[in-house]
Amino acid sequence: MASRRVADLPLGSNRLYERMSGSRFVLLDTSGVREAAEPWRDRVDAIHADGPILHGNATTLLIRPDGYLAWTATHPDGPQLREALHHWCGAA
């Protein structure tokens, strides 16, 4: 599902596009692995989503700064997420 524009999903009292800065990746996560993104905090905004994120069965989305999907996973573990972050965002 990568390379599709992500919908402007509701995130509590705001929406996804309101939370995007335009220059940073967004890690949208419902599975609890966003802590693994801590080494990339200078390039990635990790956001917890309480509800479904509406991309198949995905529980974790890595969204490019332009709003397109870079990577998705269903219940990833820390090493999978770190590998994706390294691929898309460079070394930690």
PDB file of N, CA and C in Angstrom:
ATOM      1  N   MET A   1       0.797  -1.191   0.000  1.00  0.00           N
ATOM      2  CA  MET A   1       0.000   0.000   0.000  1.00  0.00           C
ATOM      3  C   MET A   1       0.849   1.268   0.000  1.00  0.00           C
ATOM      4  N   ALA A   2       2.123   1.144  -0.063  1.00  0.00           N
ATOM      5  CA  ALA A   2       2.972   2.327  -0.084  1.00  0.00           C
ATOM      6  C   ALA A   2       2.710   3.138  -1.347  1.00  0.00           C
ATOM      7  N   SER A   3       3.070   4.412  -1.306  1.00  0.00           N
ATOM      8  CA  SER A   3       2.928   5.359  -2.408  1.00  0.00           C
ATOM      9  C   SER A   3       1.489   5.787  -2.664  1.00  0.00           C
ATOM     10  N   ARG A   4       0.624   5.657  -1.685  1.00  0.00           N
ATOM     11  CA  ARG A   4      -0.737   6.195  -1.761  1.00  0.00           C
ATOM     12  C   ARG A   4      -0.839   7.364  -0.804  1.00  0.00           C
ATOM     13  N   ARG A   5      -1.586   8.376  -1.218  1.00  0.00           N
ATOM     14  CA  ARG A   5      -1.795   9.523  -0.335  1.00  0.00           C
ATOM     15  C   ARG A   5      -2.663   9.084   0.842  1.00  0.00           C
ATOM     16  N   VAL A   6      -2.264   9.467   2.026  1.00  0.00           N
ATOM     17  CA  VAL A   6      -2.980   9.097   3.235  1.00  0.00           C
ATOM     18  C   VAL A   6      -4.123  10.088   3.446  1.00  0.00           C
ATOM     19  N   ALA A   7      -5.281   9.565   3.801  1.00  0.00           N
ATOM     20  CA  ALA A   7      -6.434  10.417   4.080  1.00  0.00           C
ATOM     21  C   ALA A   7      -6.178  11.270   5.321  1.00  0.00           C
ATOM     22  N   ASP A   8      -6.864  12.379   5.412  1.00  0.00           N
ATOM     23  CA  ASP A   8      -6.761  13.277   6.560  1.00  0.00           C
ATOM     24  C   ASP A   8      -7.568  12.686   7.713  1.00  0.00           C
ATOM     25  N   LEU A   9      -6.963  11.753   8.419  1.00  0.00           N
ATOM     26  CA  LEU A   9      -7.639  10.977   9.462  1.00  0.00           C
ATOM     27  C   LEU A   9      -7.890  11.799  10.711  1.00  0.00           C
ATOM     28  N   PRO A  10      -9.000  11.546  11.403  1.00  0.00           N
ATOM     29  CA  PRO A  10      -9.216  12.203  12.688  1.00  0.00           C
ATOM     30  C   PRO A  10      -8.275  11.627  13.746  1.00  0.00           C
ATOM     31  N   LEU A  11      -7.691  12.513  14.538  1.00  0.00           N
ATOM     32  CA  LEU A  11      -6.792  12.122  15.629  1.00  0.00           C
ATOM     33  C   LEU A  11      -7.211  12.875  16.880  1.00  0.00           C
ATOM     34  N   GLY A  12      -8.140  12.329  17.586  1.00  0.00           N
ATOM     35  CA  GLY A  12      -8.645  13.010  18.771  1.00  0.00           C
ATOM     36  C   GLY A  12      -9.354  14.290  18.387  1.00  0.00           C
ATOM     37  N   SER A  13      -8.878  15.416  18.935  1.00  0.00           N
ATOM     38  CA  SER A  13      -9.533  16.692  18.657  1.00  0.00           C
ATOM     39  C   SER A  13      -9.006  17.379  17.402  1.00  0.00           C
ATOM     40  N   ASN A  14      -7.966  16.843  16.771  1.00  0.00           N
ATOM     41  CA  ASN A  14      -7.493  17.406  15.502  1.00  0.00           C
ATOM     42  C   ASN A  14      -7.459  16.331  14.436  1.00  0.00           C
ATOM     43  N   ARG A  15      -6.825  16.670  13.320  1.00  0.00           N
ATOM     44  CA  ARG A  15      -6.747  15.757  12.187  1.00  0.00           C
ATOM     45  C   ARG A  15      -5.270  15.552  11.821  1.00  0.00           C
ATOM     46  N   LEU A  16      -5.021  14.491  11.085  1.00  0.00           N
ATOM     47  CA  LEU A  16      -3.647  14.143  10.711  1.00  0.00           C
ATOM     48  C   LEU A  16      -2.927  15.299  10.030  1.00  0.00           C
ATOM     49  N   TYR A  17      -3.554  15.912   9.027  1.00  0.00           N
ATOM     50  CA  TYR A  17      -2.861  16.964   8.279  1.00  0.00           C
ATOM     51  C   TYR A  17      -2.516  18.167   9.157  1.00  0.00           C
ATOM     52  N   GLU A  18      -3.288  18.407  10.202  1.00  0.00           N
ATOM     53  CA  GLU A  18      -2.967  19.481  11.139  1.00  0.00           C
ATOM     54  C   GLU A  18      -1.710  19.150  11.939  1.00  0.00           C
ATOM     55  N   ARG A  19      -1.448  17.887  12.138  1.00  0.00           N
ATOM     56  CA  ARG A  19      -0.292  17.443  12.921  1.00  0.00           C
ATOM     57  C   ARG A  19       0.981  17.318  12.079  1.00  0.00           C
ATOM     58  N   MET A  20       0.844  17.334  10.756  1.00  0.00           N
ATOM     59  CA  MET A  20       2.002  17.179   9.878  1.00  0.00           C
ATOM     60  C   MET A  20       2.672  18.531   9.667  1.00  0.00           C
ATOM     61  N   SER A  21       4.006  18.545   9.747  1.00  0.00           N
ATOM     62  CA  SER A  21       4.741  19.800   9.622  1.00  0.00           C
ATOM     63  C   SER A  21       5.131  20.122   8.188  1.00  0.00           C
ATOM     64  N   GLY A  22       5.086  19.144   7.296  1.00  0.00           N
ATOM     65  CA  GLY A  22       5.495  19.374   5.915  1.00  0.00           C
ATOM     66  C   GLY A  22       6.956  19.092   5.669  1.00  0.00           C
ATOM     67  N   SER A  23       7.749  18.910   6.731  1.00  0.00           N
ATOM     68  CA  SER A  23       9.173  18.645   6.546  1.00  0.00           C
ATOM     69  C   SER A  23       9.637  17.396   7.278  1.00  0.00           C
ATOM     70  N   ARG A  24       8.734  16.758   7.998  1.00  0.00           N
ATOM     71  CA  ARG A  24       9.106  15.589   8.795  1.00  0.00           C
ATOM     72  C   ARG A  24       8.212  14.411   8.451  1.00  0.00           C
ATOM     73  N   PHE A  25       8.749  13.216   8.633  1.00  0.00           N
ATOM     74  CA  PHE A  25       7.949  12.010   8.507  1.00  0.00           C
ATOM     75  C   PHE A  25       7.012  11.923   9.708  1.00  0.00           C
ATOM     76  N   VAL A  26       5.910  11.204   9.541  1.00  0.00           N
ATOM     77  CA  VAL A  26       4.989  10.940  10.641  1.00  0.00           C
ATOM     78  C   VAL A  26       4.864   9.432  10.785  1.00  0.00           C
ATOM     79  N   LEU A  27       5.042   8.959  11.999  1.00  0.00           N
ATOM     80  CA  LEU A  27       4.799   7.566  12.325  1.00  0.00           C
ATOM     81  C   LEU A  27       3.480   7.529  13.075  1.00  0.00           C
ATOM     82  N   LEU A  28       2.458   6.977  12.455  1.00  0.00           N
ATOM     83  CA  LEU A  28       1.137   6.865  13.057  1.00  0.00           C
ATOM     84  C   LEU A  28       0.980   5.427  13.513  1.00  0.00           C
ATOM     85  N   ASP A  29       0.751   5.243  14.797  1.00  0.00           N
ATOM     86  CA  ASP A  29       0.850   3.908  15.375  1.00  0.00           C
ATOM     87  C   ASP A  29      -0.285   3.615  16.342  1.00  0.00           C
ATOM     88  N   THR A  30      -0.883   2.447  16.205  1.00  0.00           N
ATOM     89  CA  THR A  30      -1.861   1.968  17.183  1.00  0.00           C
ATOM     90  C   THR A  30      -1.347   0.735  17.919  1.00  0.00           C
ATOM     91  N   SER A  31      -0.170   0.242  17.522  1.00  0.00           N
ATOM     92  CA  SER A  31       0.319  -1.025  18.058  1.00  0.00           C
ATOM     93  C   SER A  31       1.269  -0.879  19.238  1.00  0.00           C
ATOM     94  N   GLY A  32       1.737   0.319  19.530  1.00  0.00           N
ATOM     95  CA  GLY A  32       2.613   0.524  20.678  1.00  0.00           C
ATOM     96  C   GLY A  32       4.092   0.394  20.394  1.00  0.00           C
ATOM     97  N   VAL A  33       4.510   0.467  19.140  1.00  0.00           N
ATOM     98  CA  VAL A  33       5.946   0.349  18.837  1.00  0.00           C
ATOM     99  C   VAL A  33       6.600   1.698  18.558  1.00  0.00           C
ATOM    100  N   ARG A  34       5.875   2.787  18.712  1.00  0.00           N
ATOM    101  CA  ARG A  34       6.432   4.084  18.324  1.00  0.00           C
ATOM    102  C   ARG A  34       7.664   4.473  19.134  1.00  0.00           C
ATOM    103  N   GLU A  35       7.848   3.886  20.321  1.00  0.00           N
ATOM    104  CA  GLU A  35       9.046   4.181  21.112  1.00  0.00           C
ATOM    105  C   GLU A  35      10.315   3.776  20.366  1.00  0.00           C
ATOM    106  N   ALA A  36      10.203   2.787  19.468  1.00  0.00           N
ATOM    107  CA  ALA A  36      11.360   2.350  18.686  1.00  0.00           C
ATOM    108  C   ALA A  36      11.848   3.444  17.740  1.00  0.00           C
ATOM    109  N   ALA A  37      11.009   4.453  17.492  1.00  0.00           N
ATOM    110  CA  ALA A  37      11.379   5.553  16.599  1.00  0.00           C
ATOM    111  C   ALA A  37      12.148   6.654  17.315  1.00  0.00           C
ATOM    112  N   GLU A  38      12.363   6.530  18.602  1.00  0.00           N
ATOM    113  CA  GLU A  38      13.027   7.570  19.388  1.00  0.00           C
ATOM    114  C   GLU A  38      14.365   8.034  18.784  1.00  0.00           C
ATOM    115  N   PRO A  39      15.212   7.144  18.267  1.00  0.00           N
ATOM    116  CA  PRO A  39      16.469   7.624  17.680  1.00  0.00           C
ATOM    117  C   PRO A  39      16.295   8.516  16.447  1.00  0.00           C
ATOM    118  N   TRP A  40      15.121   8.540  15.858  1.00  0.00           N
ATOM    119  CA  TRP A  40      14.832   9.351  14.678  1.00  0.00           C
ATOM    120  C   TRP A  40      13.972  10.570  15.043  1.00  0.00           C
ATOM    121  N   ARG A  41      13.875  10.913  16.305  1.00  0.00           N
ATOM    122  CA  ARG A  41      12.963  11.974  16.752  1.00  0.00           C
ATOM    123  C   ARG A  41      13.258  13.329  16.106  1.00  0.00           C
ATOM    124  N   ASP A  42      14.476  13.504  15.570  1.00  0.00           N
ATOM    125  CA  ASP A  42      14.793  14.756  14.889  1.00  0.00           C
ATOM    126  C   ASP A  42      14.212  14.820  13.481  1.00  0.00           C
ATOM    127  N   ARG A  43      13.689  13.685  12.977  1.00  0.00           N
ATOM    128  CA  ARG A  43      13.131  13.623  11.620  1.00  0.00           C
ATOM    129  C   ARG A  43      11.737  13.041  11.547  1.00  0.00           C
ATOM    130  N   VAL A  44      11.280  12.439  12.646  1.00  0.00           N
ATOM    131  CA  VAL A  44      10.013  11.702  12.639  1.00  0.00           C
ATOM    132  C   VAL A  44       9.160  12.126  13.830  1.00  0.00           C
ATOM    133  N   ASP A  45       7.906  12.481  13.545  1.00  0.00           N
ATOM    134  CA  ASP A  45       6.933  12.741  14.607  1.00  0.00           C
ATOM    135  C   ASP A  45       6.145  11.457  14.836  1.00  0.00           C
ATOM    136  N   ALA A  46       6.261  10.887  16.019  1.00  0.00           N
ATOM    137  CA  ALA A  46       5.546   9.651  16.358  1.00  0.00           C
ATOM    138  C   ALA A  46       4.232  10.019  17.037  1.00  0.00           C
ATOM    139  N   ILE A  47       3.132   9.561  16.454  1.00  0.00           N
ATOM    140  CA  ILE A  47       1.800   9.893  16.946  1.00  0.00           C
ATOM    141  C   ILE A  47       1.051   8.607  17.240  1.00  0.00           C
ATOM    142  N   HIS A  48       0.465   8.543  18.425  1.00  0.00           N
ATOM    143  CA  HIS A  48      -0.374   7.400  18.778  1.00  0.00           C
ATOM    144  C   HIS A  48      -1.789   7.663  18.273  1.00  0.00           C
ATOM    145  N   ALA A  49      -2.369   6.675  17.622  1.00  0.00           N
ATOM    146  CA  ALA A  49      -3.761   6.758  17.179  1.00  0.00           C
ATOM    147  C   ALA A  49      -4.576   5.774  17.999  1.00  0.00           C
ATOM    148  N   ASP A  50      -5.673   6.241  18.560  1.00  0.00           N
ATOM    149  CA  ASP A  50      -6.513   5.382  19.384  1.00  0.00           C
ATOM    150  C   ASP A  50      -7.418   4.481  18.562  1.00  0.00           C
ATOM    151  N   GLY A  51      -7.857   4.960  17.427  1.00  0.00           N
ATOM    152  CA  GLY A  51      -8.811   4.206  16.621  1.00  0.00           C
ATOM    153  C   GLY A  51      -8.175   3.601  15.395  1.00  0.00           C
ATOM    154  N   PRO A  52      -8.983   3.024  14.522  1.00  0.00           N
ATOM    155  CA  PRO A  52      -8.452   2.432  13.291  1.00  0.00           C
ATOM    156  C   PRO A  52      -7.833   3.498  12.400  1.00  0.00           C
ATOM    157  N   ILE A  53      -6.805   3.115  11.657  1.00  0.00           N
ATOM    158  CA  ILE A  53      -6.128   4.074  10.798  1.00  0.00           C
ATOM    159  C   ILE A  53      -6.480   3.885   9.325  1.00  0.00           C
ATOM    160  N   LEU A  54      -7.441   3.027   9.041  1.00  0.00           N
ATOM    161  CA  LEU A  54      -8.098   2.930   7.736  1.00  0.00           C
ATOM    162  C   LEU A  54      -7.184   2.626   6.558  1.00  0.00           C
ATOM    163  N   HIS A  55      -6.204   1.795   6.765  1.00  0.00           N
ATOM    164  CA  HIS A  55      -5.352   1.324   5.668  1.00  0.00           C
ATOM    165  C   HIS A  55      -5.236  -0.188   5.779  1.00  0.00           C
ATOM    166  N   GLY A  56      -6.257  -0.886   5.334  1.00  0.00           N
ATOM    167  CA  GLY A  56      -6.275  -2.337   5.435  1.00  0.00           C
ATOM    168  C   GLY A  56      -6.228  -2.756   6.894  1.00  0.00           C
ATOM    169  N   ASN A  57      -5.370  -3.695   7.201  1.00  0.00           N
ATOM    170  CA  ASN A  57      -5.208  -4.172   8.578  1.00  0.00           C
ATOM    171  C   ASN A  57      -4.027  -3.519   9.280  1.00  0.00           C
ATOM    172  N   ALA A  58      -3.449  -2.507   8.675  1.00  0.00           N
ATOM    173  CA  ALA A  58      -2.244  -1.884   9.221  1.00  0.00           C
ATOM    174  C   ALA A  58      -2.496  -1.275  10.591  1.00  0.00           C
ATOM    175  N   THR A  59      -1.536  -1.451  11.469  1.00  0.00           N
ATOM    176  CA  THR A  59      -1.571  -0.815  12.783  1.00  0.00           C
ATOM    177  C   THR A  59      -0.516   0.277  12.889  1.00  0.00           C
ATOM    178  N   THR A  60       0.377   0.336  11.911  1.00  0.00           N
ATOM    179  CA  THR A  60       1.461   1.314  11.918  1.00  0.00           C
ATOM    180  C   THR A  60       1.677   1.840  10.504  1.00  0.00           C
ATOM    181  N   LEU A  61       1.711   3.160  10.374  1.00  0.00           N
ATOM    182  CA  LEU A  61       1.967   3.806   9.084  1.00  0.00           C
ATOM    183  C   LEU A  61       3.158   4.736   9.227  1.00  0.00           C
ATOM    184  N   LEU A  62       4.039   4.712   8.248  1.00  0.00           N
ATOM    185  CA  LEU A  62       5.090   5.711   8.144  1.00  0.00           C
ATOM    186  C   LEU A  62       4.713   6.582   6.954  1.00  0.00           C
ATOM    187  N   ILE A  63       4.482   7.856   7.224  1.00  0.00           N
ATOM    188  CA  ILE A  63       3.968   8.774   6.214  1.00  0.00           C
ATOM    189  C   ILE A  63       5.063   9.774   5.861  1.00  0.00           C
ATOM    190  N   ARG A  64       5.303   9.908   4.567  1.00  0.00           N
ATOM    191  CA  ARG A  64       6.311  10.852   4.101  1.00  0.00           C
ATOM    192  C   ARG A  64       5.852  12.288   4.378  1.00  0.00           C
ATOM    193  N   PRO A  65       6.768  13.243   4.362  1.00  0.00           N
ATOM    194  CA  PRO A  65       6.385  14.639   4.604  1.00  0.00           C
ATOM    195  C   PRO A  65       5.365  15.187   3.597  1.00  0.00           C
ATOM    196  N   ASP A  66       5.297  14.599   2.406  1.00  0.00           N
ATOM    197  CA  ASP A  66       4.333  15.063   1.401  1.00  0.00           C
ATOM    198  C   ASP A  66       2.961  14.405   1.551  1.00  0.00           C
ATOM    199  N   GLY A  67       2.774  13.596   2.600  1.00  0.00           N
ATOM    200  CA  GLY A  67       1.480  12.987   2.866  1.00  0.00           C
ATOM    201  C   GLY A  67       1.264  11.634   2.210  1.00  0.00           C
ATOM    202  N   TYR A  68       2.282  11.126   1.532  1.00  0.00           N
ATOM    203  CA  TYR A  68       2.167   9.808   0.903  1.00  0.00           C
ATOM    204  C   TYR A  68       2.716   8.736   1.836  1.00  0.00           C
ATOM    205  N   LEU A  69       2.156   7.578   1.715  1.00  0.00           N
ATOM    206  CA  LEU A  69       2.523   6.443   2.539  1.00  0.00           C
ATOM    207  C   LEU A  69       3.872   5.887   2.113  1.00  0.00           C
ATOM    208  N   ALA A  70       4.779   5.751   3.057  1.00  0.00           N
ATOM    209  CA  ALA A  70       6.090   5.166   2.790  1.00  0.00           C
ATOM    210  C   ALA A  70       6.100   3.681   3.144  1.00  0.00           C
ATOM    211  N   TRP A  71       5.455   3.329   4.264  1.00  0.00           N
ATOM    212  CA  TRP A  71       5.561   1.964   4.780  1.00  0.00           C
ATOM    213  C   TRP A  71       4.378   1.693   5.687  1.00  0.00           C
ATOM    214  N   THR A  72       3.899   0.459   5.662  1.00  0.00           N
ATOM    215  CA  THR A  72       2.841   0.042   6.586  1.00  0.00           C
ATOM    216  C   THR A  72       3.202  -1.309   7.169  1.00  0.00           C
ATOM    217  N   ALA A  73       2.624  -1.604   8.308  1.00  0.00           N
ATOM    218  CA  ALA A  73       2.815  -2.920   8.914  1.00  0.00           C
ATOM    219  C   ALA A  73       1.619  -3.236   9.797  1.00  0.00           C
ATOM    220  N   THR A  74       1.383  -4.514   9.943  1.00  0.00           N
ATOM    221  CA  THR A  74       0.375  -5.000  10.864  1.00  0.00           C
ATOM    222  C   THR A  74       1.104  -5.631  12.038  1.00  0.00           C
ATOM    223  N   HIS A  75       1.010  -5.017  13.177  1.00  0.00           N
ATOM    224  CA  HIS A  75       1.670  -5.479  14.398  1.00  0.00           C
ATOM    225  C   HIS A  75       3.173  -5.691  14.201  1.00  0.00           C
ATOM    226  N   PRO A  76       3.899  -4.635  13.815  1.00  0.00           N
ATOM    227  CA  PRO A  76       5.342  -4.783  13.641  1.00  0.00           C
ATOM    228  C   PRO A  76       6.036  -4.901  14.995  1.00  0.00           C
ATOM    229  N   ASP A  77       7.256  -5.416  14.956  1.00  0.00           N
ATOM    230  CA  ASP A  77       8.068  -5.382  16.164  1.00  0.00           C
ATOM    231  C   ASP A  77       9.086  -4.251  16.003  1.00  0.00           C
ATOM    232  N   GLY A  78       9.831  -3.982  17.047  1.00  0.00           N
ATOM    233  CA  GLY A  78      10.808  -2.908  17.020  1.00  0.00           C
ATOM    234  C   GLY A  78      11.827  -3.011  15.897  1.00  0.00           C
ATOM    235  N   PRO A  79      12.433  -4.197  15.674  1.00  0.00           N
ATOM    236  CA  PRO A  79      13.409  -4.306  14.588  1.00  0.00           C
ATOM    237  C   PRO A  79      12.818  -4.015  13.207  1.00  0.00           C
ATOM    238  N   GLN A  80      11.598  -4.436  12.939  1.00  0.00           N
ATOM    239  CA  GLN A  80      10.961  -4.133  11.644  1.00  0.00           C
ATOM    240  C   GLN A  80      10.800  -2.628  11.470  1.00  0.00           C
ATOM    241  N   LEU A  81      10.339  -1.973  12.506  1.00  0.00           N
ATOM    242  CA  LEU A  81      10.144  -0.532  12.433  1.00  0.00           C
ATOM    243  C   LEU A  81      11.477   0.182  12.259  1.00  0.00           C
ATOM    244  N   ARG A  82      12.476  -0.200  13.019  1.00  0.00           N
ATOM    245  CA  ARG A  82      13.789   0.438  12.888  1.00  0.00           C
ATOM    246  C   ARG A  82      14.373   0.245  11.488  1.00  0.00           C
ATOM    247  N   GLU A  83      14.164  -0.918  10.900  1.00  0.00           N
ATOM    248  CA  GLU A  83      14.638  -1.159   9.534  1.00  0.00           C
ATOM    249  C   GLU A  83      13.935  -0.221   8.547  1.00  0.00           C
ATOM    250  N   ALA A  84      12.637  -0.069   8.678  1.00  0.00           N
ATOM    251  CA  ALA A  84      11.888   0.834   7.796  1.00  0.00           C
ATOM    252  C   ALA A  84      12.334   2.279   7.994  1.00  0.00           C
ATOM    253  N   LEU A  85      12.515   2.689   9.245  1.00  0.00           N
ATOM    254  CA  LEU A  85      12.964   4.054   9.508  1.00  0.00           C
ATOM    255  C   LEU A  85      14.343   4.308   8.934  1.00  0.00           C
ATOM    256  N   HIS A  86      15.236   3.341   9.071  1.00  0.00           N
ATOM    257  CA  HIS A  86      16.577   3.489   8.507  1.00  0.00           C
ATOM    258  C   HIS A  86      16.490   3.609   6.986  1.00  0.00           C
ATOM    259  N   HIS A  87      15.654   2.805   6.358  1.00  0.00           N
ATOM    260  CA  HIS A  87      15.507   2.853   4.904  1.00  0.00           C
ATOM    261  C   HIS A  87      14.982   4.213   4.434  1.00  0.00           C
ATOM    262  N   TRP A  88      13.956   4.730   5.087  1.00  0.00           N
ATOM    263  CA  TRP A  88      13.295   5.945   4.634  1.00  0.00           C
ATOM    264  C   TRP A  88      13.897   7.218   5.208  1.00  0.00           C
ATOM    265  N   CYS A  89      14.466   7.161   6.388  1.00  0.00           N
ATOM    266  CA  CYS A  89      14.893   8.382   7.078  1.00  0.00           C
ATOM    267  C   CYS A  89      16.388   8.455   7.336  1.00  0.00           C
ATOM    268  N   GLY A  90      17.110   7.425   6.954  1.00  0.00           N
ATOM    269  CA  GLY A  90      18.558   7.424   7.144  1.00  0.00           C
ATOM    270  C   GLY A  90      18.952   6.833   8.487  1.00  0.00           C
ATOM    271  N   ALA A  91      20.228   6.884   8.741  1.00  0.00           N
ATOM    272  CA  ALA A  91      20.782   6.322   9.984  1.00  0.00           C
ATOM    273  C   ALA A  91      20.247   7.063  11.196  1.00  0.00           C
ATOM    274  N   ALA A  92      20.107   6.331  12.271  1.00  0.00           N
ATOM    275  CA  ALA A  92      19.613   6.944  13.530  1.00  0.00           C
ATOM    276  C   ALA A  92      20.626   7.912  14.075  1.00  0.00           C
TER     277      ALA A  92
END
